PDB file of N, CA and C in Angstrom:
ATOM      1  N   MET A   1     -69.168 -21.209 -37.025  1.00  0.00           N
ATOM      2  CA  MET A   1     -69.281 -22.140 -36.189  1.00  0.00           C
ATOM      3  C   MET A   1     -69.308 -23.519 -36.720  1.00  0.00           C
ATOM      4  N   ARG A   2     -68.278 -24.555 -36.100  1.00  0.00           N
ATOM      5  CA  ARG A   2     -67.792 -25.759 -36.331  1.00  0.00           C
ATOM      6  C   ARG A   2     -69.338 -26.566 -36.873  1.00  0.00           C
ATOM      7  N   THR A   3     -69.106 -27.612 -37.715  1.00  0.00           N
ATOM      8  CA  THR A   3     -70.751 -28.432 -38.158  1.00  0.00           C
ATOM      9  C   THR A   3     -70.867 -29.258 -37.044  1.00  0.00           C
ATOM     10  N   HIS A   4     -70.052 -29.357 -35.893  1.00  0.00           N
ATOM     11  CA  HIS A   4     -70.448 -30.394 -34.619  1.00  0.00           C
ATOM     12  C   HIS A   4     -71.283 -28.933 -33.421  1.00  0.00           C
ATOM     13  N   GLU A   5     -70.888 -27.948 -33.633  1.00  0.00           N
ATOM     14  CA  GLU A   5     -71.081 -26.877 -32.934  1.00  0.00           C
ATOM     15  C   GLU A   5     -72.227 -26.749 -33.023  1.00  0.00           C
ATOM     16  N   LYS A   6     -72.883 -26.645 -34.784  1.00  0.00           N
ATOM     17  CA  LYS A   6     -73.809 -26.589 -35.157  1.00  0.00           C
ATOM     18  C   LYS A   6     -74.938 -27.697 -34.767  1.00  0.00           C
ATOM     19  N   LEU A   7     -75.005 -28.813 -35.168  1.00  0.00           N
ATOM     20  CA  LEU A   7     -75.417 -30.233 -34.838  1.00  0.00           C
ATOM     21  C   LEU A   7     -75.765 -29.600 -33.111  1.00  0.00           C
ATOM     22  N   LYS A   8     -75.105 -29.550 -32.210  1.00  0.00           N
ATOM     23  CA  LYS A   8     -75.050 -29.724 -30.975  1.00  0.00           C
ATOM     24  C   LYS A   8     -76.020 -28.367 -30.199  1.00  0.00           C
ATOM     25  N   ALA A   9     -76.201 -27.352 -31.210  1.00  0.00           N
ATOM     26  CA  ALA A   9     -76.857 -26.208 -30.469  1.00  0.00           C
ATOM     27  C   ALA A   9     -78.423 -26.516 -31.283  1.00  0.00           C
ATOM     28  N   LEU A  10     -78.561 -27.331 -32.178  1.00  0.00           N
ATOM     29  CA  LEU A  10     -80.015 -27.638 -33.104  1.00  0.00           C
ATOM     30  C   LEU A  10     -80.350 -28.463 -31.820  1.00  0.00           C
ATOM     31  N   ALA A  11     -79.499 -29.558 -31.496  1.00  0.00           N
ATOM     32  CA  ALA A  11     -80.208 -30.787 -30.684  1.00  0.00           C
ATOM     33  C   ALA A  11     -80.539 -29.938 -29.284  1.00  0.00           C
ATOM     34  N   LEU A  12     -79.515 -29.207 -29.100  1.00  0.00           N
ATOM     35  CA  LEU A  12     -80.152 -28.449 -27.438  1.00  0.00           C
ATOM     36  C   LEU A  12     -81.434 -27.612 -27.907  1.00  0.00           C
ATOM     37  N   SER A  13     -81.850 -27.239 -29.038  1.00  0.00           N
ATOM     38  CA  SER A  13     -83.083 -26.186 -29.215  1.00  0.00           C
ATOM     39  C   SER A  13     -84.189 -27.296 -28.319  1.00  0.00           C
ATOM     40  N   ASP A  14     -84.157 -28.630 -28.783  1.00  0.00           N
ATOM     41  CA  ASP A  14     -85.218 -29.006 -28.178  1.00  0.00           C
ATOM     42  C   ASP A  14     -85.346 -29.425 -26.513  1.00  0.00           C
ATOM     43  N   PRO A  15     -86.336 -29.027 -26.180  1.00  0.00           N
ATOM     44  CA  PRO A  15     -86.518 -28.940 -24.540  1.00  0.00           C
ATOM     45  C   PRO A  15     -86.338 -30.047 -24.240  1.00  0.00           C
ATOM     46  N   GLU A  16     -86.581 -31.655 -24.559  1.00  0.00           N
ATOM     47  CA  GLU A  16     -86.458 -32.718 -24.001  1.00  0.00           C
ATOM     48  C   GLU A  16     -84.966 -32.745 -24.236  1.00  0.00           C
ATOM     49  N   VAL A  17     -84.440 -33.256 -25.352  1.00  0.00           N
ATOM     50  CA  VAL A  17     -82.976 -33.111 -25.353  1.00  0.00           C
ATOM     51  C   VAL A  17     -82.376 -32.287 -24.287  1.00  0.00           C
ATOM     52  N   ARG A  18     -82.272 -31.408 -24.251  1.00  0.00           N
ATOM     53  CA  ARG A  18     -81.289 -30.093 -23.573  1.00  0.00           C
ATOM     54  C   ARG A  18     -81.645 -30.768 -22.107  1.00  0.00           C
ATOM     55  N   ALA A  19     -82.891 -30.943 -21.424  1.00  0.00           N
ATOM     56  CA  ALA A  19     -83.211 -31.525 -19.757  1.00  0.00           C
ATOM     57  C   ALA A  19     -82.149 -33.034 -19.884  1.00  0.00           C
ATOM     58  N   GLU A  20     -82.506 -33.551 -20.674  1.00  0.00           N
ATOM     59  CA  GLU A  20     -81.152 -34.958 -20.805  1.00  0.00           C
ATOM     60  C   GLU A  20     -79.941 -34.275 -21.100  1.00  0.00           C
ATOM     61  N   TYR A  21     -79.587 -33.444 -21.466  1.00  0.00           N
ATOM     62  CA  TYR A  21     -77.993 -33.326 -21.514  1.00  0.00           C
ATOM     63  C   TYR A  21     -77.900 -32.628 -20.499  1.00  0.00           C
ATOM     64  N   GLU A  22     -78.478 -31.858 -20.156  1.00  0.00           N
ATOM     65  CA  GLU A  22     -78.224 -31.433 -18.404  1.00  0.00           C
ATOM     66  C   GLU A  22     -78.160 -32.318 -17.348  1.00  0.00           C
ATOM     67  N   ARG A  23     -78.850 -33.326 -17.142  1.00  0.00           N
ATOM     68  CA  ARG A  23     -79.039 -34.653 -16.035  1.00  0.00           C
ATOM     69  C   ARG A  23     -77.462 -34.850 -16.354  1.00  0.00           C
ATOM     70  N   ILE A  24     -77.127 -35.398 -17.491  1.00  0.00           N
ATOM     71  CA  ILE A  24     -75.897 -36.225 -17.919  1.00  0.00           C
ATOM     72  C   ILE A  24     -75.107 -35.514 -16.909  1.00  0.00           C
ATOM     73  N   GLU A  25     -74.791 -34.119 -17.410  1.00  0.00           N
ATOM     74  CA  GLU A  25     -73.721 -33.198 -17.339  1.00  0.00           C
ATOM     75  C   GLU A  25     -73.656 -33.388 -15.287  1.00  0.00           C
ATOM     76  N   ARG A  26     -75.047 -33.103 -14.962  1.00  0.00           N
ATOM     77  CA  ARG A  26     -75.061 -32.839 -13.474  1.00  0.00           C
ATOM     78  C   ARG A  26     -74.852 -34.316 -12.896  1.00  0.00           C
ATOM     79  N   GLU A  27     -75.122 -35.373 -13.434  1.00  0.00           N
ATOM     80  CA  GLU A  27     -75.189 -36.632 -12.480  1.00  0.00           C
ATOM     81  C   GLU A  27     -74.376 -37.622 -13.023  1.00  0.00           C
ATOM     82  N   GLU A  28     -73.970 -37.463 -14.312  1.00  0.00           N
ATOM     83  CA  GLU A  28     -73.034 -38.497 -14.803  1.00  0.00           C
ATOM     84  C   GLU A  28     -71.334 -38.087 -14.668  1.00  0.00           C
ATOM     85  N   MET A  29     -71.777 -37.290 -15.641  1.00  0.00           N
ATOM     86  CA  MET A  29     -70.034 -36.568 -15.784  1.00  0.00           C
ATOM     87  C   MET A  29     -69.145 -36.431 -14.686  1.00  0.00           C
ATOM     88  N   PRO A  30     -69.546 -35.924 -13.714  1.00  0.00           N
ATOM     89  CA  PRO A  30     -68.154 -35.932 -12.558  1.00  0.00           C
ATOM     90  C   PRO A  30     -67.902 -37.428 -12.294  1.00  0.00           C
ATOM     91  N   MET A  31     -69.209 -38.524 -12.101  1.00  0.00           N
ATOM     92  CA  MET A  31     -68.213 -39.739 -12.138  1.00  0.00           C
ATOM     93  C   MET A  31     -67.304 -40.056 -13.601  1.00  0.00           C
ATOM     94  N   LEU A  32     -67.588 -39.795 -14.690  1.00  0.00           N
ATOM     95  CA  LEU A  32     -66.550 -40.236 -15.415  1.00  0.00           C
ATOM     96  C   LEU A  32     -65.787 -39.448 -15.364  1.00  0.00           C
ATOM     97  N   ASP A  33     -65.628 -38.125 -15.150  1.00  0.00           N
ATOM     98  CA  ASP A  33     -64.081 -37.159 -15.165  1.00  0.00           C
ATOM     99  C   ASP A  33     -63.369 -38.375 -14.102  1.00  0.00           C
ATOM    100  N   ALA A  34     -64.197 -38.359 -12.478  1.00  0.00           N
ATOM    101  CA  ALA A  34     -63.254 -38.957 -11.873  1.00  0.00           C
ATOM    102  C   ALA A  34     -62.659 -40.598 -12.041  1.00  0.00           C
ATOM    103  N   ILE A  35     -63.344 -40.983 -12.899  1.00  0.00           N
ATOM    104  CA  ILE A  35     -63.083 -42.166 -13.148  1.00  0.00           C
ATOM    105  C   ILE A  35     -61.551 -41.780 -14.527  1.00  0.00           C
ATOM    106  N   LEU A  36     -61.468 -41.335 -15.215  1.00  0.00           N
ATOM    107  CA  LEU A  36     -60.702 -41.229 -16.576  1.00  0.00           C
ATOM    108  C   LEU A  36     -59.877 -40.296 -15.373  1.00  0.00           C
ATOM    109  N   LYS A  37     -59.839 -39.384 -14.906  1.00  0.00           N
ATOM    110  CA  LYS A  37     -58.810 -38.900 -14.033  1.00  0.00           C
ATOM    111  C   LYS A  37     -57.899 -40.064 -13.819  1.00  0.00           C
ATOM    112  N   ALA A  38     -58.352 -41.021 -12.467  1.00  0.00           N
ATOM    113  CA  ALA A  38     -57.584 -41.898 -11.766  1.00  0.00           C
ATOM    114  C   ALA A  38     -57.181 -42.846 -12.815  1.00  0.00           C
ATOM    115  N   ARG A  39     -57.483 -42.887 -14.239  1.00  0.00           N
ATOM    116  CA  ARG A  39     -56.697 -44.171 -15.030  1.00  0.00           C
ATOM    117  C   ARG A  39     -55.679 -43.291 -15.062  1.00  0.00           C
ATOM    118  N   ALA A  40     -55.866 -42.104 -15.626  1.00  0.00           N
ATOM    119  CA  ALA A  40     -54.698 -41.290 -16.034  1.00  0.00           C
ATOM    120  C   ALA A  40     -53.398 -41.036 -15.340  1.00  0.00           C
ATOM    121  N   GLU A  41     -53.620 -40.779 -13.950  1.00  0.00           N
ATOM    122  CA  GLU A  41     -53.214 -40.530 -13.150  1.00  0.00           C
ATOM    123  C   GLU A  41     -51.994 -41.728 -12.613  1.00  0.00           C
ATOM    124  N   ALA A  42     -52.829 -43.003 -12.509  1.00  0.00           N
ATOM    125  CA  ALA A  42     -51.920 -44.170 -12.986  1.00  0.00           C
ATOM    126  C   ALA A  42     -51.361 -44.761 -14.272  1.00  0.00           C
ATOM    127  N   GLY A  43     -51.720 -43.932 -14.782  1.00  0.00           N
ATOM    128  CA  GLY A  43     -51.234 -44.045 -16.241  1.00  0.00           C
ATOM    129  C   GLY A  43     -51.029 -45.707 -16.885  1.00  0.00           C
ATOM    130  N   LEU A  44     -52.293 -45.906 -17.061  1.00  0.00           N
ATOM    131  CA  LEU A  44     -52.710 -47.127 -17.236  1.00  0.00           C
ATOM    132  C   LEU A  44     -53.987 -47.156 -18.692  1.00  0.00           C
ATOM    133  N   THR A  45     -53.448 -47.911 -19.165  1.00  0.00           N
ATOM    134  CA  THR A  45     -54.593 -47.938 -20.723  1.00  0.00           C
ATOM    135  C   THR A  45     -55.380 -48.775 -20.156  1.00  0.00           C
ATOM    136  N   GLN A  46     -56.500 -48.675 -21.379  1.00  0.00           N
ATOM    137  CA  GLN A  46     -57.825 -49.490 -21.150  1.00  0.00           C
ATOM    138  C   GLN A  46     -57.392 -50.514 -20.631  1.00  0.00           C
ATOM    139  N   ALA A  47     -56.437 -51.276 -21.632  1.00  0.00           N
ATOM    140  CA  ALA A  47     -56.196 -52.707 -21.466  1.00  0.00           C
ATOM    141  C   ALA A  47     -55.606 -53.435 -20.892  1.00  0.00           C
ATOM    142  N   GLN A  48     -54.773 -52.411 -20.337  1.00  0.00           N
ATOM    143  CA  GLN A  48     -53.642 -52.633 -18.560  1.00  0.00           C
ATOM    144  C   GLN A  48     -54.676 -52.813 -18.402  1.00  0.00           C
ATOM    145  N   VAL A  49     -55.615 -51.822 -17.136  1.00  0.00           N
ATOM    146  CA  VAL A  49     -57.054 -52.110 -16.542  1.00  0.00           C
ATOM    147  C   VAL A  49     -57.584 -52.980 -16.641  1.00  0.00           C
ATOM    148  N   ALA A  50     -57.996 -53.436 -17.565  1.00  0.00           N
ATOM    149  CA  ALA A  50     -58.955 -54.710 -17.632  1.00  0.00           C
ATOM    150  C   ALA A  50     -57.785 -55.860 -17.648  1.00  0.00           C
ATOM    151  N   GLU A  51     -56.682 -55.891 -17.983  1.00  0.00           N
ATOM    152  CA  GLU A  51     -55.672 -57.470 -17.329  1.00  0.00           C
ATOM    153  C   GLU A  51     -55.565 -57.454 -16.019  1.00  0.00           C
ATOM    154  N   ARG A  52     -55.548 -56.535 -15.103  1.00  0.00           N
ATOM    155  CA  ARG A  52     -55.593 -56.507 -13.848  1.00  0.00           C
ATOM    156  C   ARG A  52     -56.741 -56.575 -13.457  1.00  0.00           C
ATOM    157  N   MET A  53     -58.135 -56.218 -14.149  1.00  0.00           N
ATOM    158  CA  MET A  53     -59.330 -56.730 -13.517  1.00  0.00           C
ATOM    159  C   MET A  53     -59.617 -58.120 -13.746  1.00  0.00           C
ATOM    160  N   GLY A  54     -58.977 -58.684 -14.352  1.00  0.00           N
ATOM    161  CA  GLY A  54     -59.386 -60.107 -15.305  1.00  0.00           C
ATOM    162  C   GLY A  54     -60.158 -60.253 -16.358  1.00  0.00           C
ATOM    163  N   THR A  55     -60.196 -59.395 -17.096  1.00  0.00           N
ATOM    164  CA  THR A  55     -61.486 -59.122 -18.143  1.00  0.00           C
ATOM    165  C   THR A  55     -60.434 -58.827 -19.836  1.00  0.00           C
ATOM    166  N   LYS A  56     -61.024 -58.107 -20.621  1.00  0.00           N
ATOM    167  CA  LYS A  56     -60.646 -57.177 -21.652  1.00  0.00           C
ATOM    168  C   LYS A  56     -61.077 -56.025 -21.798  1.00  0.00           C
ATOM    169  N   ALA A  57     -60.378 -55.160 -22.814  1.00  0.00           N
ATOM    170  CA  ALA A  57     -60.279 -54.437 -22.997  1.00  0.00           C
ATOM    171  C   ALA A  57     -61.179 -53.589 -23.772  1.00  0.00           C
ATOM    172  N   PRO A  58     -62.199 -54.194 -24.605  1.00  0.00           N
ATOM    173  CA  PRO A  58     -63.755 -53.614 -24.732  1.00  0.00           C
ATOM    174  C   PRO A  58     -64.849 -53.260 -23.363  1.00  0.00           C
ATOM    175  N   ALA A  59     -64.521 -54.633 -22.683  1.00  0.00           N
ATOM    176  CA  ALA A  59     -65.075 -54.361 -21.331  1.00  0.00           C
ATOM    177  C   ALA A  59     -64.912 -53.284 -21.007  1.00  0.00           C
ATOM    178  N   VAL A  60     -63.873 -52.771 -20.531  1.00  0.00           N
ATOM    179  CA  VAL A  60     -63.235 -51.435 -20.055  1.00  0.00           C
ATOM    180  C   VAL A  60     -64.161 -50.521 -20.478  1.00  0.00           C
ATOM    181  N   ALA A  61     -63.946 -50.114 -21.824  1.00  0.00           N
ATOM    182  CA  ALA A  61     -64.523 -49.679 -22.710  1.00  0.00           C
ATOM    183  C   ALA A  61     -65.731 -48.948 -22.587  1.00  0.00           C
ATOM    184  N   ARG A  62     -66.431 -50.222 -22.413  1.00  0.00           N
ATOM    185  CA  ARG A  62     -67.801 -50.312 -22.017  1.00  0.00           C
ATOM    186  C   ARG A  62     -68.385 -49.533 -20.836  1.00  0.00           C
ATOM    187  N   LEU A  63     -67.649 -49.990 -20.082  1.00  0.00           N
ATOM    188  CA  LEU A  63     -67.372 -49.491 -18.786  1.00  0.00           C
ATOM    189  C   LEU A  63     -67.951 -47.726 -18.633  1.00  0.00           C
ATOM    190  N   GLU A  64     -66.012 -47.454 -19.210  1.00  0.00           N
ATOM    191  CA  GLU A  64     -66.444 -45.959 -19.069  1.00  0.00           C
ATOM    192  C   GLU A  64     -67.651 -45.621 -19.757  1.00  0.00           C
ATOM    193  N   ASN A  65     -67.790 -45.977 -21.387  1.00  0.00           N
ATOM    194  CA  ASN A  65     -68.805 -45.493 -22.215  1.00  0.00           C
ATOM    195  C   ASN A  65     -70.184 -45.481 -21.511  1.00  0.00           C
ATOM    196  N   SER A  66     -70.198 -46.443 -20.619  1.00  0.00           N
ATOM    197  CA  SER A  66     -71.489 -46.988 -20.249  1.00  0.00           C
ATOM    198  C   SER A  66     -72.175 -45.174 -19.476  1.00  0.00           C
ATOM    199  N   LEU A  67     -70.475 -44.516 -18.736  1.00  0.00           N
ATOM    200  CA  LEU A  67     -71.276 -43.339 -17.787  1.00  0.00           C
ATOM    201  C   LEU A  67     -71.566 -42.293 -19.091  1.00  0.00           C
ATOM    202  N   VAL A  68     -71.430 -41.944 -19.831  1.00  0.00           N
ATOM    203  CA  VAL A  68     -71.233 -41.524 -20.954  1.00  0.00           C
ATOM    204  C   VAL A  68     -73.028 -41.376 -21.613  1.00  0.00           C
ATOM    205  N   THR A  69     -73.275 -42.991 -21.659  1.00  0.00           N
ATOM    206  CA  THR A  69     -74.929 -43.140 -22.435  1.00  0.00           C
ATOM    207  C   THR A  69     -75.683 -43.432 -21.402  1.00  0.00           C
ATOM    208  N   GLY A  70     -75.820 -43.363 -20.053  1.00  0.00           N
ATOM    209  CA  GLY A  70     -76.227 -43.846 -19.140  1.00  0.00           C
ATOM    210  C   GLY A  70     -77.226 -45.309 -19.591  1.00  0.00           C
ATOM    211  N   LYS A  71     -76.952 -45.668 -20.383  1.00  0.00           N
ATOM    212  CA  LYS A  71     -77.648 -47.127 -20.717  1.00  0.00           C
ATOM    213  C   LYS A  71     -77.807 -47.864 -20.084  1.00  0.00           C
ATOM    214  N   HIS A  72     -76.297 -47.886 -19.296  1.00  0.00           N
ATOM    215  CA  HIS A  72     -75.863 -49.140 -18.229  1.00  0.00           C
ATOM    216  C   HIS A  72     -75.746 -48.778 -16.748  1.00  0.00           C
ATOM    217  N   SER A  73     -75.619 -49.044 -15.997  1.00  0.00           N
ATOM    218  CA  SER A  73     -75.251 -48.361 -14.589  1.00  0.00           C
ATOM    219  C   SER A  73     -74.120 -49.451 -13.971  1.00  0.00           C
ATOM    220  N   PRO A  74     -72.876 -49.430 -14.119  1.00  0.00           N
ATOM    221  CA  PRO A  74     -72.299 -50.648 -13.748  1.00  0.00           C
ATOM    222  C   PRO A  74     -72.192 -50.796 -11.921  1.00  0.00           C
ATOM    223  N   SER A  75     -72.050 -52.063 -11.911  1.00  0.00           N
ATOM    224  CA  SER A  75     -72.494 -52.198 -10.223  1.00  0.00           C
ATOM    225  C   SER A  75     -71.397 -51.864  -9.284  1.00  0.00           C
ATOM    226  N   VAL A  76     -71.696 -52.314  -8.523  1.00  0.00           N
ATOM    227  CA  VAL A  76     -70.775 -51.321  -7.307  1.00  0.00           C
ATOM    228  C   VAL A  76     -69.436 -52.129  -7.333  1.00  0.00           C
ATOM    229  N   ALA A  77     -69.703 -53.960  -7.319  1.00  0.00           N
ATOM    230  CA  ALA A  77     -68.484 -54.289  -7.804  1.00  0.00           C
ATOM    231  C   ALA A  77     -67.580 -54.142  -8.757  1.00  0.00           C
ATOM    232  N   THR A  78     -68.421 -53.812  -9.743  1.00  0.00           N
ATOM    233  CA  THR A  78     -67.403 -53.886 -11.082  1.00  0.00           C
ATOM    234  C   THR A  78     -66.363 -52.499 -11.064  1.00  0.00           C
ATOM    235  N   LEU A  79     -67.897 -51.530  -9.968  1.00  0.00           N
ATOM    236  CA  LEU A  79     -66.681 -50.064  -9.637  1.00  0.00           C
ATOM    237  C   LEU A  79     -65.305 -50.522  -8.624  1.00  0.00           C
ATOM    238  N   GLN A  80     -65.774 -51.507  -8.155  1.00  0.00           N
ATOM    239  CA  GLN A  80     -64.425 -51.645  -6.803  1.00  0.00           C
ATOM    240  C   GLN A  80     -63.347 -52.289  -7.790  1.00  0.00           C
ATOM    241  N   LYS A  81     -63.432 -53.430  -8.826  1.00  0.00           N
ATOM    242  CA  LYS A  81     -62.785 -54.092  -9.492  1.00  0.00           C
ATOM    243  C   LYS A  81     -61.983 -52.636 -10.165  1.00  0.00           C
ATOM    244  N   TYR A  82     -62.771 -51.973 -10.955  1.00  0.00           N
ATOM    245  CA  TYR A  82     -61.879 -50.553 -11.388  1.00  0.00           C
ATOM    246  C   TYR A  82     -60.989 -50.300 -10.844  1.00  0.00           C
ATOM    247  N   ALA A  83     -61.641 -49.666  -9.937  1.00  0.00           N
ATOM    248  CA  ALA A  83     -60.882 -48.328  -8.540  1.00  0.00           C
ATOM    249  C   ALA A  83     -59.322 -49.868  -8.387  1.00  0.00           C
ATOM    250  N   ALA A  84     -59.822 -51.112  -7.495  1.00  0.00           N
ATOM    251  CA  ALA A  84     -58.756 -52.061  -7.201  1.00  0.00           C
ATOM    252  C   ALA A  84     -57.650 -51.957  -8.326  1.00  0.00           C
ATOM    253  N   ALA A  85     -57.827 -52.259  -9.585  1.00  0.00           N
ATOM    254  CA  ALA A  85     -57.051 -52.071 -10.208  1.00  0.00           C
ATOM    255  C   ALA A  85     -56.209 -51.180 -10.610  1.00  0.00           C
ATOM    256  N   LEU A  86     -56.776 -49.713 -10.341  1.00  0.00           N
ATOM    257  CA  LEU A  86     -55.957 -48.589 -10.388  1.00  0.00           C
ATOM    258  C   LEU A  86     -54.982 -47.796  -9.153  1.00  0.00           C
ATOM    259  N   GLY A  87     -55.009 -49.352  -8.504  1.00  0.00           N
ATOM    260  CA  GLY A  87     -54.341 -49.140  -7.040  1.00  0.00           C
ATOM    261  C   GLY A  87     -55.001 -48.245  -6.294  1.00  0.00           C
ATOM    262  N   LYS A  88     -56.378 -48.205  -6.202  1.00  0.00           N
ATOM    263  CA  LYS A  88     -57.698 -46.669  -5.514  1.00  0.00           C
ATOM    264  C   LYS A  88     -58.536 -47.591  -4.715  1.00  0.00           C
ATOM    265  N   LYS A  89     -59.459 -47.097  -3.810  1.00  0.00           N
ATOM    266  CA  LYS A  89     -60.687 -47.800  -3.269  1.00  0.00           C
ATOM    267  C   LYS A  89     -61.311 -46.577  -3.497  1.00  0.00           C
ATOM    268  N   LEU A  90     -62.772 -47.810  -3.772  1.00  0.00           N
ATOM    269  CA  LEU A  90     -64.258 -47.011  -4.127  1.00  0.00           C
ATOM    270  C   LEU A  90     -64.813 -46.526  -3.070  1.00  0.00           C
ATOM    271  N   GLU A  91     -64.948 -44.790  -3.211  1.00  0.00           N
ATOM    272  CA  GLU A  91     -65.723 -44.726  -2.124  1.00  0.00           C
ATOM    273  C   GLU A  91     -67.360 -43.860  -2.597  1.00  0.00           C
ATOM    274  N   VAL A  92     -68.197 -44.262  -1.685  1.00  0.00           N
ATOM    275  CA  VAL A  92     -69.462 -43.580  -2.716  1.00  0.00           C
ATOM    276  C   VAL A  92     -69.727 -42.897  -1.201  1.00  0.00           C
ATOM    277  N   ARG A  93     -70.521 -41.723  -1.552  1.00  0.00           N
ATOM    278  CA  ARG A  93     -71.160 -40.382  -0.507  1.00  0.00           C
ATOM    279  C   ARG A  93     -71.939 -39.976  -0.918  1.00  0.00           C
ATOM    280  N   PHE A  94     -73.375 -39.631  -0.099  1.00  0.00           N
ATOM    281  CA  PHE A  94     -74.036 -38.550  -0.453  1.00  0.00           C
ATOM    282  C   PHE A  94     -74.105 -37.467   0.122  1.00  0.00           C
ATOM    283  N   VAL A  95     -74.220 -36.546  -0.772  1.00  0.00           N
ATOM    284  CA  VAL A  95     -74.314 -35.138  -0.281  1.00  0.00           C
ATOM    285  C   VAL A  95     -74.834 -34.642  -0.732  1.00  0.00           C
TER     286      VAL A  95
END
């Protein structure tokens, strides 16, 4: 087993860590996957998206990273700007 796998297994042995990990996988990773997939389909780098949004690449990196960390939830307006930079529209649905 690789070091990363060992560390992950050790961390996930803690019920609180496991619950948060599962919440992130269930609630936040699908959004991150959708955002990264859309950027890849558009063939754009973070810097190119940032330029189209009128911001800097680190801001786009923070936006994408925020979906992983859960420390900050981007506003709908920010996600709309991100989508527009990719030539897409943001659609929010409750299922």
